[in-house]
Amino acid sequence: MVQPCFAVLALITNQIKTLERDLVARSKRDYRSRKRLQQIAGVGPLTALCFVLKIGEPTRFGRSRDVGPYLGLCPGRDQSGGHRQATAHQQMRATACCAACW
């Protein structure tokens, strides 16, 4: 009864590994700016790719300080410390927090 579950789990695990390899290869080919982010401890290829895709064109930010509030990682200049914007990117915030823990 348990053996079929293990077989399905092994199959899914292999599919995930294949997809991860494909994403990493594509990010190396198409998103070269992620290489700089990977120099930060705890930031791997997938975390860097998430960041690059979420930010888009970095020149749209007036200063690098504006990226943190955009992602909801810290309050903006006109926000109090206890409130985050409703439009904060929760998934990117969670990804950045996980990378910081490693």
PDB file of N, CA and C in Angstrom:
ATOM      1  N   MET A   1       0.814  -1.193   0.000  1.00  0.00           N
ATOM      2  CA  MET A   1       0.000   0.000   0.000  1.00  0.00           C
ATOM      3  C   MET A   1       0.862   1.264   0.000  1.00  0.00           C
ATOM      4  N   VAL A   2       1.981   1.238   0.678  1.00  0.00           N
ATOM      5  CA  VAL A   2       2.855   2.396   0.759  1.00  0.00           C
ATOM      6  C   VAL A   2       3.783   2.480  -0.453  1.00  0.00           C
ATOM      7  N   GLN A   3       4.128   1.349  -1.030  1.00  0.00           N
ATOM      8  CA  GLN A   3       5.062   1.310  -2.152  1.00  0.00           C
ATOM      9  C   GLN A   3       4.601   2.158  -3.337  1.00  0.00           C
ATOM     10  N   PRO A   4       3.327   2.106  -3.739  1.00  0.00           N
ATOM     11  CA  PRO A   4       2.898   2.966  -4.850  1.00  0.00           C
ATOM     12  C   PRO A   4       3.071   4.454  -4.542  1.00  0.00           C
ATOM     13  N   CYS A   5       2.864   4.828  -3.295  1.00  0.00           N
ATOM     14  CA  CYS A   5       3.058   6.233  -2.900  1.00  0.00           C
ATOM     15  C   CYS A   5       4.520   6.643  -3.054  1.00  0.00           C
ATOM     16  N   PHE A   6       5.428   5.743  -2.666  1.00  0.00           N
ATOM     17  CA  PHE A   6       6.857   6.035  -2.817  1.00  0.00           C
ATOM     18  C   PHE A   6       7.245   6.144  -4.289  1.00  0.00           C
ATOM     19  N   ALA A   7       6.643   5.307  -5.128  1.00  0.00           N
ATOM     20  CA  ALA A   7       6.936   5.359  -6.558  1.00  0.00           C
ATOM     21  C   ALA A   7       6.476   6.686  -7.155  1.00  0.00           C
ATOM     22  N   VAL A   8       5.295   7.139  -6.765  1.00  0.00           N
ATOM     23  CA  VAL A   8       4.777   8.426  -7.254  1.00  0.00           C
ATOM     24  C   VAL A   8       5.653   9.563  -6.731  1.00  0.00           C
ATOM     25  N   LEU A   9       6.048   9.494  -5.483  1.00  0.00           N
ATOM     26  CA  LEU A   9       6.910  10.525  -4.897  1.00  0.00           C
ATOM     27  C   LEU A   9       8.248  10.597  -5.634  1.00  0.00           C
ATOM     28  N   ALA A  10       8.825   9.452  -5.956  1.00  0.00           N
ATOM     29  CA  ALA A  10      10.095   9.427  -6.690  1.00  0.00           C
ATOM     30  C   ALA A  10       9.926  10.028  -8.083  1.00  0.00           C
ATOM     31  N   LEU A  11       8.822   9.727  -8.736  1.00  0.00           N
ATOM     32  CA  LEU A  11       8.552  10.267 -10.064  1.00  0.00           C
ATOM     33  C   LEU A  11       8.412  11.787 -10.013  1.00  0.00           C
ATOM     34  N   ILE A  12       7.656  12.278  -9.067  1.00  0.00           N
ATOM     35  CA  ILE A  12       7.458  13.728  -8.924  1.00  0.00           C
ATOM     36  C   ILE A  12       8.773  14.418  -8.576  1.00  0.00           C
ATOM     37  N   THR A  13       9.560  13.809  -7.713  1.00  0.00           N
ATOM     38  CA  THR A  13      10.857  14.381  -7.335  1.00  0.00           C
ATOM     39  C   THR A  13      11.762  14.517  -8.557  1.00  0.00           C
ATOM     40  N   ASN A  14      11.793  13.505  -9.414  1.00  0.00           N
ATOM     41  CA  ASN A  14      12.599  13.566 -10.638  1.00  0.00           C
ATOM     42  C   ASN A  14      12.107  14.650 -11.584  1.00  0.00           C
ATOM     43  N   GLN A  15      10.800  14.808 -11.683  1.00  0.00           N
ATOM     44  CA  GLN A  15      10.238  15.860 -12.536  1.00  0.00           C
ATOM     45  C   GLN A  15      10.605  17.242 -12.011  1.00  0.00           C
ATOM     46  N   ILE A  16      10.561  17.420 -10.701  1.00  0.00           N
ATOM     47  CA  ILE A  16      10.929  18.707 -10.103  1.00  0.00           C
ATOM     48  C   ILE A  16      12.402  19.007 -10.372  1.00  0.00           C
ATOM     49  N   LYS A  17      13.254  18.012 -10.201  1.00  0.00           N
ATOM     50  CA  LYS A  17      14.682  18.211 -10.463  1.00  0.00           C
ATOM     51  C   LYS A  17      14.933  18.597 -11.921  1.00  0.00           C
ATOM     52  N   THR A  18      14.221  17.968 -12.839  1.00  0.00           N
ATOM     53  CA  THR A  18      14.369  18.297 -14.259  1.00  0.00           C
ATOM     54  C   THR A  18      13.927  19.727 -14.525  1.00  0.00           C
ATOM     55  N   LEU A  19      12.793  20.130 -13.958  1.00  0.00           N
ATOM     56  CA  LEU A  19      12.307  21.497 -14.129  1.00  0.00           C
ATOM     57  C   LEU A  19      13.279  22.514 -13.532  1.00  0.00           C
ATOM     58  N   GLU A  20      13.842  22.206 -12.368  1.00  0.00           N
ATOM     59  CA  GLU A  20      14.824  23.111 -11.750  1.00  0.00           C
ATOM     60  C   GLU A  20      16.049  23.271 -12.641  1.00  0.00           C
ATOM     61  N   ARG A  21      16.547  22.167 -13.193  1.00  0.00           N
ATOM     62  CA  ARG A  21      17.710  22.247 -14.086  1.00  0.00           C
ATOM     63  C   ARG A  21      17.386  23.108 -15.307  1.00  0.00           C
ATOM     64  N   ASP A  22      16.201  22.940 -15.846  1.00  0.00           N
ATOM     65  CA  ASP A  22      15.795  23.735 -17.007  1.00  0.00           C
ATOM     66  C   ASP A  22      15.701  25.220 -16.659  1.00  0.00           C
ATOM     67  N   LEU A  23      15.136  25.529 -15.496  1.00  0.00           N
ATOM     68  CA  LEU A  23      15.036  26.931 -15.071  1.00  0.00           C
ATOM     69  C   LEU A  23      16.405  27.556 -14.868  1.00  0.00           C
ATOM     70  N   VAL A  24      17.300  26.820 -14.236  1.00  0.00           N
ATOM     71  CA  VAL A  24      18.648  27.339 -13.998  1.00  0.00           C
ATOM     72  C   VAL A  24      19.369  27.568 -15.329  1.00  0.00           C
ATOM     73  N   ALA A  25      19.243  26.625 -16.244  1.00  0.00           N
ATOM     74  CA  ALA A  25      19.888  26.782 -17.562  1.00  0.00           C
ATOM     75  C   ALA A  25      19.313  27.989 -18.303  1.00  0.00           C
ATOM     76  N   ARG A  26      18.004  28.145 -18.251  1.00  0.00           N
ATOM     77  CA  ARG A  26      17.388  29.284 -18.934  1.00  0.00           C
ATOM     78  C   ARG A  26      17.774  30.605 -18.279  1.00  0.00           C
ATOM     79  N   SER A  27      17.852  30.619 -16.950  1.00  0.00           N
ATOM     80  CA  SER A  27      18.235  31.868 -16.281  1.00  0.00           C
ATOM     81  C   SER A  27      19.673  32.243 -16.609  1.00  0.00           C
ATOM     82  N   LYS A  28      20.550  31.249 -16.755  1.00  0.00           N
ATOM     83  CA  LYS A  28      21.931  31.536 -17.137  1.00  0.00           C
ATOM     84  C   LYS A  28      21.997  32.122 -18.539  1.00  0.00           C
ATOM     85  N   ARG A  29      21.117  31.649 -19.401  1.00  0.00           N
ATOM     86  CA  ARG A  29      21.109  32.103 -20.784  1.00  0.00           C
ATOM     87  C   ARG A  29      20.427  33.458 -20.953  1.00  0.00           C
ATOM     88  N   ASP A  30      19.297  33.652 -20.286  1.00  0.00           N
ATOM     89  CA  ASP A  30      18.455  34.823 -20.560  1.00  0.00           C
ATOM     90  C   ASP A  30      18.526  35.943 -19.519  1.00  0.00           C
ATOM     91  N   TYR A  31      18.970  35.646 -18.316  1.00  0.00           N
ATOM     92  CA  TYR A  31      18.952  36.644 -17.237  1.00  0.00           C
ATOM     93  C   TYR A  31      20.321  36.704 -16.566  1.00  0.00           C
ATOM     94  N   ARG A  32      21.230  37.349 -17.218  1.00  0.00           N
ATOM     95  CA  ARG A  32      22.606  37.391 -16.717  1.00  0.00           C
ATOM     96  C   ARG A  32      22.752  38.234 -15.453  1.00  0.00           C
ATOM     97  N   SER A  33      21.803  39.134 -15.203  1.00  0.00           N
ATOM     98  CA  SER A  33      21.896  39.974 -14.002  1.00  0.00           C
ATOM     99  C   SER A  33      21.735  39.154 -12.730  1.00  0.00           C
ATOM    100  N   ARG A  34      21.189  37.958 -12.827  1.00  0.00           N
ATOM    101  CA  ARG A  34      21.009  37.129 -11.639  1.00  0.00           C
ATOM    102  C   ARG A  34      22.351  36.657 -11.081  1.00  0.00           C
ATOM    103  N   LYS A  35      23.376  36.656 -11.900  1.00  0.00           N
ATOM    104  CA  LYS A  35      24.696  36.186 -11.449  1.00  0.00           C
ATOM    105  C   LYS A  35      25.230  37.050 -10.311  1.00  0.00           C
ATOM    106  N   ARG A  36      24.976  38.337 -10.406  1.00  0.00           N
ATOM    107  CA  ARG A  36      25.437  39.249  -9.359  1.00  0.00           C
ATOM    108  C   ARG A  36      24.716  38.993  -8.039  1.00  0.00           C
ATOM    109  N   LEU A  37      23.440  38.697  -8.125  1.00  0.00           N
ATOM    110  CA  LEU A  37      22.663  38.421  -6.918  1.00  0.00           C
ATOM    111  C   LEU A  37      23.110  37.138  -6.235  1.00  0.00           C
ATOM    112  N   GLN A  38      23.572  36.181  -7.007  1.00  0.00           N
ATOM    113  CA  GLN A  38      24.000  34.914  -6.442  1.00  0.00           C
ATOM    114  C   GLN A  38      25.290  35.015  -5.644  1.00  0.00           C
ATOM    115  N   GLN A  39      25.947  36.155  -5.696  1.00  0.00           N
ATOM    116  CA  GLN A  39      27.136  36.353  -4.880  1.00  0.00           C
ATOM    117  C   GLN A  39      26.771  36.565  -3.415  1.00  0.00           C
ATOM    118  N   ILE A  40      25.501  36.834  -3.142  1.00  0.00           N
ATOM    119  CA  ILE A  40      25.023  37.028  -1.776  1.00  0.00           C
ATOM    120  C   ILE A  40      24.819  35.660  -1.151  1.00  0.00           C
ATOM    121  N   ALA A  41      25.307  35.478   0.072  1.00  0.00           N
ATOM    122  CA  ALA A  41      25.158  34.203   0.765  1.00  0.00           C
ATOM    123  C   ALA A  41      23.682  33.843   0.910  1.00  0.00           C
ATOM    124  N   GLY A  42      23.337  32.614   0.560  1.00  0.00           N
ATOM    125  CA  GLY A  42      21.975  32.138   0.681  1.00  0.00           C
ATOM    126  C   GLY A  42      21.119  32.355  -0.545  1.00  0.00           C
ATOM    127  N   VAL A  43      21.630  33.098  -1.524  1.00  0.00           N
ATOM    128  CA  VAL A  43      20.861  33.353  -2.746  1.00  0.00           C
ATOM    129  C   VAL A  43      21.356  32.410  -3.836  1.00  0.00           C
ATOM    130  N   GLY A  44      20.499  31.468  -4.180  1.00  0.00           N
ATOM    131  CA  GLY A  44      20.817  30.512  -5.230  1.00  0.00           C
ATOM    132  C   GLY A  44      20.243  30.962  -6.560  1.00  0.00           C
ATOM    133  N   PRO A  45      20.363  30.111  -7.565  1.00  0.00           N
ATOM    134  CA  PRO A  45      19.895  30.500  -8.891  1.00  0.00           C
ATOM    135  C   PRO A  45      18.389  30.760  -8.968  1.00  0.00           C
ATOM    136  N   LEU A  46      17.589  29.980  -8.248  1.00  0.00           N
ATOM    137  CA  LEU A  46      16.143  30.166  -8.327  1.00  0.00           C
ATOM    138  C   LEU A  46      15.690  31.420  -7.575  1.00  0.00           C
ATOM    139  N   THR A  47      16.292  31.691  -6.422  1.00  0.00           N
ATOM    140  CA  THR A  47      15.961  32.908  -5.683  1.00  0.00           C
ATOM    141  C   THR A  47      16.346  34.139  -6.489  1.00  0.00           C
ATOM    142  N   ALA A  48      17.530  34.100  -7.098  1.00  0.00           N
ATOM    143  CA  ALA A  48      17.982  35.226  -7.924  1.00  0.00           C
ATOM    144  C   ALA A  48      17.056  35.433  -9.116  1.00  0.00           C
ATOM    145  N   LEU A  49      16.631  34.342  -9.733  1.00  0.00           N
ATOM    146  CA  LEU A  49      15.715  34.445 -10.870  1.00  0.00           C
ATOM    147  C   LEU A  49      14.380  35.047 -10.439  1.00  0.00           C
ATOM    148  N   CYS A  50      13.848  34.619  -9.297  1.00  0.00           N
ATOM    149  CA  CYS A  50      12.591  35.196  -8.779  1.00  0.00           C
ATOM    150  C   CYS A  50      12.738  36.700  -8.594  1.00  0.00           C
ATOM    151  N   PHE A  51      13.847  37.124  -8.017  1.00  0.00           N
ATOM    152  CA  PHE A  51      14.088  38.544  -7.768  1.00  0.00           C
ATOM    153  C   PHE A  51      14.148  39.321  -9.078  1.00  0.00           C
ATOM    154  N   VAL A  52      14.912  38.818 -10.037  1.00  0.00           N
ATOM    155  CA  VAL A  52      15.072  39.500 -11.328  1.00  0.00           C
ATOM    156  C   VAL A  52      13.725  39.610 -12.041  1.00  0.00           C
ATOM    157  N   LEU A  53      12.947  38.543 -12.019  1.00  0.00           N
ATOM    158  CA  LEU A  53      11.647  38.561 -12.688  1.00  0.00           C
ATOM    159  C   LEU A  53      10.650  39.477 -11.986  1.00  0.00           C
ATOM    160  N   LYS A  54      10.703  39.538 -10.670  1.00  0.00           N
ATOM    161  CA  LYS A  54       9.775  40.385  -9.922  1.00  0.00           C
ATOM    162  C   LYS A  54      10.108  41.863 -10.081  1.00  0.00           C
ATOM    163  N   ILE A  55      11.385  42.193 -10.090  1.00  0.00           N
ATOM    164  CA  ILE A  55      11.813  43.590 -10.201  1.00  0.00           C
ATOM    165  C   ILE A  55      11.619  44.109 -11.620  1.00  0.00           C
ATOM    166  N   GLY A  56      11.885  43.273 -12.598  1.00  0.00           N
ATOM    167  CA  GLY A  56      11.774  43.734 -13.983  1.00  0.00           C
ATOM    168  C   GLY A  56      12.934  44.655 -14.332  1.00  0.00           C
ATOM    169  N   GLU A  57      12.628  45.800 -14.857  1.00  0.00           N
ATOM    170  CA  GLU A  57      13.654  46.777 -15.256  1.00  0.00           C
ATOM    171  C   GLU A  57      14.088  47.574 -14.020  1.00  0.00           C
ATOM    172  N   PRO A  58      15.317  47.383 -13.529  1.00  0.00           N
ATOM    173  CA  PRO A  58      15.744  48.048 -12.296  1.00  0.00           C
ATOM    174  C   PRO A  58      15.861  49.567 -12.412  1.00  0.00           C
ATOM    175  N   THR A  59      15.983  50.070 -13.630  1.00  0.00           N
ATOM    176  CA  THR A  59      16.127  51.520 -13.780  1.00  0.00           C
ATOM    177  C   THR A  59      14.838  52.269 -13.451  1.00  0.00           C
ATOM    178  N   ARG A  60      13.731  51.551 -13.280  1.00  0.00           N
ATOM    179  CA  ARG A  60      12.481  52.225 -12.933  1.00  0.00           C
ATOM    180  C   ARG A  60      12.458  52.690 -11.483  1.00  0.00           C
ATOM    181  N   PHE A  61      13.404  52.210 -10.685  1.00  0.00           N
ATOM    182  CA  PHE A  61      13.528  52.663  -9.305  1.00  0.00           C
ATOM    183  C   PHE A  61      14.510  53.820  -9.256  1.00  0.00           C
ATOM    184  N   GLY A  62      14.108  54.886  -8.606  1.00  0.00           N
ATOM    185  CA  GLY A  62      14.970  56.062  -8.519  1.00  0.00           C
ATOM    186  C   GLY A  62      16.255  55.776  -7.752  1.00  0.00           C
ATOM    187  N   ARG A  63      16.115  54.997  -6.693  1.00  0.00           N
ATOM    188  CA  ARG A  63      17.269  54.635  -5.864  1.00  0.00           C
ATOM    189  C   ARG A  63      17.156  53.167  -5.480  1.00  0.00           C
ATOM    190  N   SER A  64      18.257  52.570  -5.148  1.00  0.00           N
ATOM    191  CA  SER A  64      18.222  51.160  -4.754  1.00  0.00           C
ATOM    192  C   SER A  64      17.416  50.973  -3.470  1.00  0.00           C
ATOM    193  N   ARG A  65      17.324  52.006  -2.653  1.00  0.00           N
ATOM    194  CA  ARG A  65      16.530  51.938  -1.417  1.00  0.00           C
ATOM    195  C   ARG A  65      15.044  51.735  -1.671  1.00  0.00           C
ATOM    196  N   ASP A  66      14.585  52.042  -2.860  1.00  0.00           N
ATOM    197  CA  ASP A  66      13.164  51.928  -3.178  1.00  0.00           C
ATOM    198  C   ASP A  66      12.732  50.487  -3.471  1.00  0.00           C
ATOM    199  N   VAL A  67      13.678  49.594  -3.656  1.00  0.00           N
ATOM    200  CA  VAL A  67      13.354  48.206  -3.981  1.00  0.00           C
ATOM    201  C   VAL A  67      12.794  47.479  -2.754  1.00  0.00           C
ATOM    202  N   GLY A  68      13.382  47.677  -1.594  1.00  0.00           N
ATOM    203  CA  GLY A  68      12.916  47.014  -0.367  1.00  0.00           C
ATOM    204  C   GLY A  68      11.449  47.284  -0.067  1.00  0.00           C
ATOM    205  N   PRO A  69      11.031  48.554  -0.034  1.00  0.00           N
ATOM    206  CA  PRO A  69       9.607  48.826   0.185  1.00  0.00           C
ATOM    207  C   PRO A  69       8.709  48.284  -0.922  1.00  0.00           C
ATOM    208  N   TYR A  70       9.187  48.287  -2.152  1.00  0.00           N
ATOM    209  CA  TYR A  70       8.398  47.745  -3.268  1.00  0.00           C
ATOM    210  C   TYR A  70       8.074  46.278  -3.030  1.00  0.00           C
ATOM    211  N   LEU A  71       9.054  45.534  -2.515  1.00  0.00           N
ATOM    212  CA  LEU A  71       8.861  44.111  -2.251  1.00  0.00           C
ATOM    213  C   LEU A  71       8.195  43.849  -0.910  1.00  0.00           C
ATOM    214  N   GLY A  72       8.016  44.896  -0.111  1.00  0.00           N
ATOM    215  CA  GLY A  72       7.420  44.716   1.203  1.00  0.00           C
ATOM    216  C   GLY A  72       8.397  44.218   2.244  1.00  0.00           C
ATOM    217  N   LEU A  73       9.694  44.363   1.980  1.00  0.00           N
ATOM    218  CA  LEU A  73      10.708  43.900   2.924  1.00  0.00           C
ATOM    219  C   LEU A  73      10.929  44.892   4.064  1.00  0.00           C
ATOM    220  N   CYS A  74      10.608  46.147   3.825  1.00  0.00           N
ATOM    221  CA  CYS A  74      10.747  47.188   4.844  1.00  0.00           C
ATOM    222  C   CYS A  74       9.742  48.291   4.514  1.00  0.00           C
ATOM    223  N   PRO A  75       9.413  49.125   5.505  1.00  0.00           N
ATOM    224  CA  PRO A  75       8.474  50.206   5.212  1.00  0.00           C
ATOM    225  C   PRO A  75       9.105  51.259   4.302  1.00  0.00           C
ATOM    226  N   GLY A  76       8.273  51.910   3.522  1.00  0.00           N
ATOM    227  CA  GLY A  76       8.740  52.988   2.661  1.00  0.00           C
ATOM    228  C   GLY A  76       8.965  54.263   3.454  1.00  0.00           C
ATOM    229  N   ARG A  77       9.394  55.297   2.765  1.00  0.00           N
ATOM    230  CA  ARG A  77       9.676  56.560   3.442  1.00  0.00           C
ATOM    231  C   ARG A  77       8.443  57.162   4.089  1.00  0.00           C
ATOM    232  N   ASP A  78       7.284  56.960   3.468  1.00  0.00           N
ATOM    233  CA  ASP A  78       6.057  57.568   3.973  1.00  0.00           C
ATOM    234  C   ASP A  78       5.172  56.581   4.716  1.00  0.00           C
ATOM    235  N   GLN A  79       5.743  55.484   5.197  1.00  0.00           N
ATOM    236  CA  GLN A  79       4.980  54.474   5.910  1.00  0.00           C
ATOM    237  C   GLN A  79       5.475  54.372   7.336  1.00  0.00           C
ATOM    238  N   SER A  80       4.569  53.995   8.227  1.00  0.00           N
ATOM    239  CA  SER A  80       4.996  53.727   9.596  1.00  0.00           C
ATOM    240  C   SER A  80       5.614  52.340   9.631  1.00  0.00           C
ATOM    241  N   GLY A  81       6.345  52.045  10.663  1.00  0.00           N
ATOM    242  CA  GLY A  81       7.041  50.765  10.757  1.00  0.00           C
ATOM    243  C   GLY A  81       6.127  49.579  10.946  1.00  0.00           C
ATOM    244  N   GLY A  82       4.888  49.782  11.377  1.00  0.00           N
ATOM    245  CA  GLY A  82       4.021  48.661  11.675  1.00  0.00           C
ATOM    246  C   GLY A  82       3.124  48.224  10.542  1.00  0.00           C
ATOM    247  N   HIS A  83       3.133  48.918   9.425  1.00  0.00           N
ATOM    248  CA  HIS A  83       2.207  48.591   8.347  1.00  0.00           C
ATOM    249  C   HIS A  83       2.948  48.382   7.036  1.00  0.00           C
ATOM    250  N   ARG A  84       2.497  47.360   6.313  1.00  0.00           N
ATOM    251  CA  ARG A  84       3.037  47.123   4.978  1.00  0.00           C
ATOM    252  C   ARG A  84       1.972  47.499   3.967  1.00  0.00           C
ATOM    253  N   GLN A  85       2.405  47.831   2.792  1.00  0.00           N
ATOM    254  CA  GLN A  85       1.455  48.139   1.730  1.00  0.00           C
ATOM    255  C   GLN A  85       0.640  46.891   1.387  1.00  0.00           C
ATOM    256  N   ALA A  86      -0.600  47.104   1.037  1.00  0.00           N
ATOM    257  CA  ALA A  86      -1.456  45.986   0.640  1.00  0.00           C
ATOM    258  C   ALA A  86      -0.951  45.333  -0.637  1.00  0.00           C
ATOM    259  N   THR A  87      -0.207  46.076  -1.436  1.00  0.00           N
ATOM    260  CA  THR A  87       0.286  45.548  -2.709  1.00  0.00           C
ATOM    261  C   THR A  87       1.659  44.888  -2.579  1.00  0.00           C
ATOM    262  N   ALA A  88       2.124  44.728  -1.356  1.00  0.00           N
ATOM    263  CA  ALA A  88       3.446  44.130  -1.160  1.00  0.00           C
ATOM    264  C   ALA A  88       3.468  42.720  -1.741  1.00  0.00           C
ATOM    265  N   HIS A  89       4.596  42.331  -2.261  1.00  0.00           N
ATOM    266  CA  HIS A  89       4.747  41.027  -2.898  1.00  0.00           C
ATOM    267  C   HIS A  89       5.111  39.990  -1.843  1.00  0.00           C
ATOM    268  N   GLN A  90       4.099  39.337  -1.311  1.00  0.00           N
ATOM    269  CA  GLN A  90       4.300  38.419  -0.199  1.00  0.00           C
ATOM    270  C   GLN A  90       5.186  37.236  -0.567  1.00  0.00           C
ATOM    271  N   GLN A  91       5.037  36.692  -1.763  1.00  0.00           N
ATOM    272  CA  GLN A  91       5.855  35.551  -2.147  1.00  0.00           C
ATOM    273  C   GLN A  91       7.325  35.936  -2.252  1.00  0.00           C
ATOM    274  N   MET A  92       7.620  37.111  -2.803  1.00  0.00           N
ATOM    275  CA  MET A  92       9.011  37.534  -2.906  1.00  0.00           C
ATOM    276  C   MET A  92       9.582  37.821  -1.531  1.00  0.00           C
ATOM    277  N   ARG A  93       8.768  38.385  -0.648  1.00  0.00           N
ATOM    278  CA  ARG A  93       9.221  38.646   0.722  1.00  0.00           C
ATOM    279  C   ARG A  93       9.565  37.329   1.410  1.00  0.00           C
ATOM    280  N   ALA A  94       8.714  36.318   1.241  1.00  0.00           N
ATOM    281  CA  ALA A  94       8.975  35.011   1.842  1.00  0.00           C
ATOM    282  C   ALA A  94      10.241  34.383   1.256  1.00  0.00           C
ATOM    283  N   THR A  95      10.435  34.519  -0.048  1.00  0.00           N
ATOM    284  CA  THR A  95      11.630  33.976  -0.702  1.00  0.00           C
ATOM    285  C   THR A  95      12.889  34.649  -0.178  1.00  0.00           C
ATOM    286  N   ALA A  96      12.832  35.979  -0.035  1.00  0.00           N
ATOM    287  CA  ALA A  96      14.002  36.715   0.470  1.00  0.00           C
ATOM    288  C   ALA A  96      14.294  36.344   1.925  1.00  0.00           C
ATOM    289  N   CYS A  97      13.254  36.156   2.715  1.00  0.00           N
ATOM    290  CA  CYS A  97      13.454  35.781   4.119  1.00  0.00           C
ATOM    291  C   CYS A  97      14.066  34.385   4.230  1.00  0.00           C
ATOM    292  N   CYS A  98      13.605  33.459   3.384  1.00  0.00           N
ATOM    293  CA  CYS A  98      14.177  32.101   3.399  1.00  0.00           C
ATOM    294  C   CYS A  98      15.653  32.140   2.996  1.00  0.00           C
ATOM    295  N   ALA A  99      15.985  32.959   2.000  1.00  0.00           N
ATOM    296  CA  ALA A  99      17.386  33.063   1.566  1.00  0.00           C
ATOM    297  C   ALA A  99      18.243  33.637   2.680  1.00  0.00           C
ATOM    298  N   ALA A 100      17.687  34.570   3.459  1.00  0.00           N
ATOM    299  CA  ALA A 100      18.453  35.183   4.537  1.00  0.00           C
ATOM    300  C   ALA A 100      18.739  34.191   5.656  1.00  0.00           C
ATOM    301  N   CYS A 101      17.877  33.192   5.808  1.00  0.00           N
ATOM    302  CA  CYS A 101      18.057  32.195   6.882  1.00  0.00           C
ATOM    303  C   CYS A 101      19.175  31.202   6.576  1.00  0.00           C
ATOM    304  N   TRP A 102      19.510  31.039   5.304  1.00  0.00           N
ATOM    305  CA  TRP A 102      20.534  30.079   4.938  1.00  0.00           C
ATOM    306  C   TRP A 102      21.858  30.685   5.151  1.00  0.00           C
TER     307      TRP A 102
END
